[in-house]
Amino acid sequence: MAAKPQSATSLGVSPEDDRRARIIKYSVAQGIRVVCIVLAVAGGGNWLTYVAGFGAAVLPYVAVVVANATDGGNSKAAPKAEAPTIAIGADAFRNASSDK
């Protein structure tokens, strides 16, 4: 059975574009973390120090989760490629000792 060819409009985001978007999301979150670290050090022991310190501690986890988040399956997924099945019948095999 011949499979239908894949349409170019059903393709997902290219790996390069996906990687670039993930790097941007992660870099923005880590930039915010650097600001939190600076505020925690320069906060002077008030509530801002604790809030910024908490943000600096939690943001690495949040950055990874946000960068790796998908759209939840809402995008149009490309169909999976199907490999043809090859079947070899028993009559195709011969006994090697009987060929002499």
C-alpha atoms as a PDB file:
ATOM      1  CA  MET A   1       0.000   0.000   0.000  1.00  0.00           C
ATOM      2  CA  ALA A   2       1.501   3.323  -1.037  1.00  0.00           C
ATOM      3  CA  ALA A   3       1.484   6.032   1.609  1.00  0.00           C
ATOM      4  CA  LYS A   4       0.306   9.525   0.765  1.00  0.00           C
ATOM      5  CA  PRO A   5       3.204  11.965   0.339  1.00  0.00           C
ATOM      6  CA  GLN A   6       3.737  14.402   3.176  1.00  0.00           C
ATOM      7  CA  SER A   7       2.542  17.933   2.524  1.00  0.00           C
ATOM      8  CA  ALA A   8       4.995  20.773   3.113  1.00  0.00           C
ATOM      9  CA  THR A   9       2.279  22.675   4.977  1.00  0.00           C
ATOM     10  CA  SER A  10       1.925  19.897   7.558  1.00  0.00           C
ATOM     11  CA  LEU A  11       5.571  20.101   8.620  1.00  0.00           C
ATOM     12  CA  GLY A  12       6.408  21.400  12.074  1.00  0.00           C
ATOM     13  CA  VAL A  13       8.946  24.001  13.111  1.00  0.00           C
ATOM     14  CA  SER A  14      12.469  23.322  11.890  1.00  0.00           C
ATOM     15  CA  PRO A  15      14.941  22.103  14.520  1.00  0.00           C
ATOM     16  CA  GLU A  16      17.055  25.233  14.075  1.00  0.00           C
ATOM     17  CA  ASP A  17      14.108  27.568  14.703  1.00  0.00           C
ATOM     18  CA  ASP A  18      12.994  25.478  17.685  1.00  0.00           C
ATOM     19  CA  ARG A  19      16.498  25.527  19.175  1.00  0.00           C
ATOM     20  CA  ARG A  20      16.798  29.296  18.644  1.00  0.00           C
ATOM     21  CA  ALA A  21      13.460  29.929  20.390  1.00  0.00           C
ATOM     22  CA  ARG A  22      14.472  27.732  23.331  1.00  0.00           C
ATOM     23  CA  ILE A  23      17.823  29.496  23.680  1.00  0.00           C
ATOM     24  CA  ILE A  24      16.124  32.913  23.697  1.00  0.00           C
ATOM     25  CA  LYS A  25      13.600  31.843  26.360  1.00  0.00           C
ATOM     26  CA  TYR A  26      16.323  30.334  28.537  1.00  0.00           C
ATOM     27  CA  SER A  27      18.630  33.353  28.125  1.00  0.00           C
ATOM     28  CA  VAL A  28      15.890  35.810  29.105  1.00  0.00           C
ATOM     29  CA  ALA A  29      15.079  33.800  32.239  1.00  0.00           C
ATOM     30  CA  GLN A  30      18.757  33.591  33.193  1.00  0.00           C
ATOM     31  CA  GLY A  31      19.142  37.334  32.605  1.00  0.00           C
ATOM     32  CA  ILE A  32      16.301  37.928  35.058  1.00  0.00           C
ATOM     33  CA  ARG A  33      18.112  35.601  37.478  1.00  0.00           C
ATOM     34  CA  VAL A  34      21.273  37.716  37.270  1.00  0.00           C
ATOM     35  CA  VAL A  35      19.204  40.794  38.151  1.00  0.00           C
ATOM     36  CA  CYS A  36      17.731  38.879  41.103  1.00  0.00           C
ATOM     37  CA  ILE A  37      21.218  37.946  42.333  1.00  0.00           C
ATOM     38  CA  VAL A  38      22.381  41.560  42.132  1.00  0.00           C
ATOM     39  CA  LEU A  39      19.245  42.739  43.977  1.00  0.00           C
ATOM     40  CA  ALA A  40      19.680  40.048  46.625  1.00  0.00           C
ATOM     41  CA  VAL A  41      23.267  41.102  47.300  1.00  0.00           C
ATOM     42  CA  ALA A  42      22.532  44.830  47.223  1.00  0.00           C
ATOM     43  CA  GLY A  43      19.129  44.606  48.914  1.00  0.00           C
ATOM     44  CA  GLY A  44      20.370  45.566  52.363  1.00  0.00           C
ATOM     45  CA  GLY A  45      18.582  42.843  54.323  1.00  0.00           C
ATOM     46  CA  ASN A  46      15.011  44.010  53.728  1.00  0.00           C
ATOM     47  CA  TRP A  47      12.173  42.101  52.063  1.00  0.00           C
ATOM     48  CA  LEU A  48      13.641  42.749  48.587  1.00  0.00           C
ATOM     49  CA  THR A  49      16.706  40.697  49.523  1.00  0.00           C
ATOM     50  CA  TYR A  50      14.569  37.666  50.361  1.00  0.00           C
ATOM     51  CA  VAL A  51      12.294  37.964  47.326  1.00  0.00           C
ATOM     52  CA  ALA A  52      15.248  38.390  44.970  1.00  0.00           C
ATOM     53  CA  GLY A  53      17.116  35.518  46.641  1.00  0.00           C
ATOM     54  CA  PHE A  54      14.095  33.270  46.225  1.00  0.00           C
ATOM     55  CA  GLY A  55      13.834  34.299  42.568  1.00  0.00           C
ATOM     56  CA  ALA A  56      17.532  33.577  42.023  1.00  0.00           C
ATOM     57  CA  ALA A  57      17.113  30.114  43.558  1.00  0.00           C
ATOM     58  CA  VAL A  58      13.938  29.149  41.686  1.00  0.00           C
ATOM     59  CA  LEU A  59      14.584  30.678  38.264  1.00  0.00           C
ATOM     60  CA  PRO A  60      16.973  27.959  36.960  1.00  0.00           C
ATOM     61  CA  TYR A  61      14.204  25.358  37.295  1.00  0.00           C
ATOM     62  CA  VAL A  62      11.607  27.698  35.816  1.00  0.00           C
ATOM     63  CA  ALA A  63      13.949  28.585  32.934  1.00  0.00           C
ATOM     64  CA  VAL A  64      14.401  24.941  31.952  1.00  0.00           C
ATOM     65  CA  VAL A  65      10.686  24.162  32.204  1.00  0.00           C
ATOM     66  CA  VAL A  66       9.708  27.216  30.149  1.00  0.00           C
ATOM     67  CA  ALA A  67      12.398  26.607  27.529  1.00  0.00           C
ATOM     68  CA  ASN A  68      11.348  22.982  27.083  1.00  0.00           C
ATOM     69  CA  ALA A  69       7.599  23.610  27.147  1.00  0.00           C
ATOM     70  CA  THR A  70       5.629  22.577  24.099  1.00  0.00           C
ATOM     71  CA  ASP A  71       2.333  23.907  22.841  1.00  0.00           C
ATOM     72  CA  GLY A  72       0.449  20.986  24.399  1.00  0.00           C
ATOM     73  CA  GLY A  73      -0.250  19.202  21.150  1.00  0.00           C
ATOM     74  CA  ASN A  74      -2.262  22.037  19.639  1.00  0.00           C
ATOM     75  CA  SER A  75      -0.050  22.274  16.581  1.00  0.00           C
ATOM     76  CA  LYS A  76      -0.765  20.236  13.504  1.00  0.00           C
ATOM     77  CA  ALA A  77       1.508  17.226  13.860  1.00  0.00           C
ATOM     78  CA  ALA A  78       3.186  15.797  10.806  1.00  0.00           C
ATOM     79  CA  PRO A  79       2.168  12.233  10.001  1.00  0.00           C
ATOM     80  CA  LYS A  80       4.679   9.549  10.874  1.00  0.00           C
ATOM     81  CA  ALA A  81       6.620   7.998   8.026  1.00  0.00           C
ATOM     82  CA  GLU A  82       5.808   4.343   7.480  1.00  0.00           C
ATOM     83  CA  ALA A  83       8.451   1.931   6.281  1.00  0.00           C
ATOM     84  CA  PRO A  84       7.313  -0.826   3.921  1.00  0.00           C
ATOM     85  CA  THR A  85       7.175  -4.311   5.370  1.00  0.00           C
ATOM     86  CA  ILE A  86       9.317  -6.900   3.643  1.00  0.00           C
ATOM     87  CA  ALA A  87       8.226 -10.510   3.862  1.00  0.00           C
ATOM     88  CA  ILE A  88      10.360 -13.456   2.753  1.00  0.00           C
ATOM     89  CA  GLY A  89       8.580 -16.735   2.237  1.00  0.00           C
ATOM     90  CA  ALA A  90       9.977 -20.039   3.488  1.00  0.00           C
ATOM     91  CA  ASP A  91      10.439 -21.296  -0.079  1.00  0.00           C
ATOM     92  CA  ALA A  92      13.136 -18.626  -0.623  1.00  0.00           C
ATOM     93  CA  PHE A  93      15.486 -20.435   1.756  1.00  0.00           C
ATOM     94  CA  ARG A  94      17.576 -23.432   0.745  1.00  0.00           C
ATOM     95  CA  ASN A  95      19.675 -25.821   2.704  1.00  0.00           C
ATOM     96  CA  ALA A  96      23.351 -24.970   2.024  1.00  0.00           C
ATOM     97  CA  SER A  97      24.480 -28.598   2.306  1.00  0.00           C
ATOM     98  CA  SER A  98      22.079 -29.725  -0.457  1.00  0.00           C
ATOM     99  CA  ASP A  99      23.680 -27.391  -3.066  1.00  0.00           C
ATOM    100  CA  LYS A 100      26.829 -29.567  -3.394  1.00  0.00           C
END
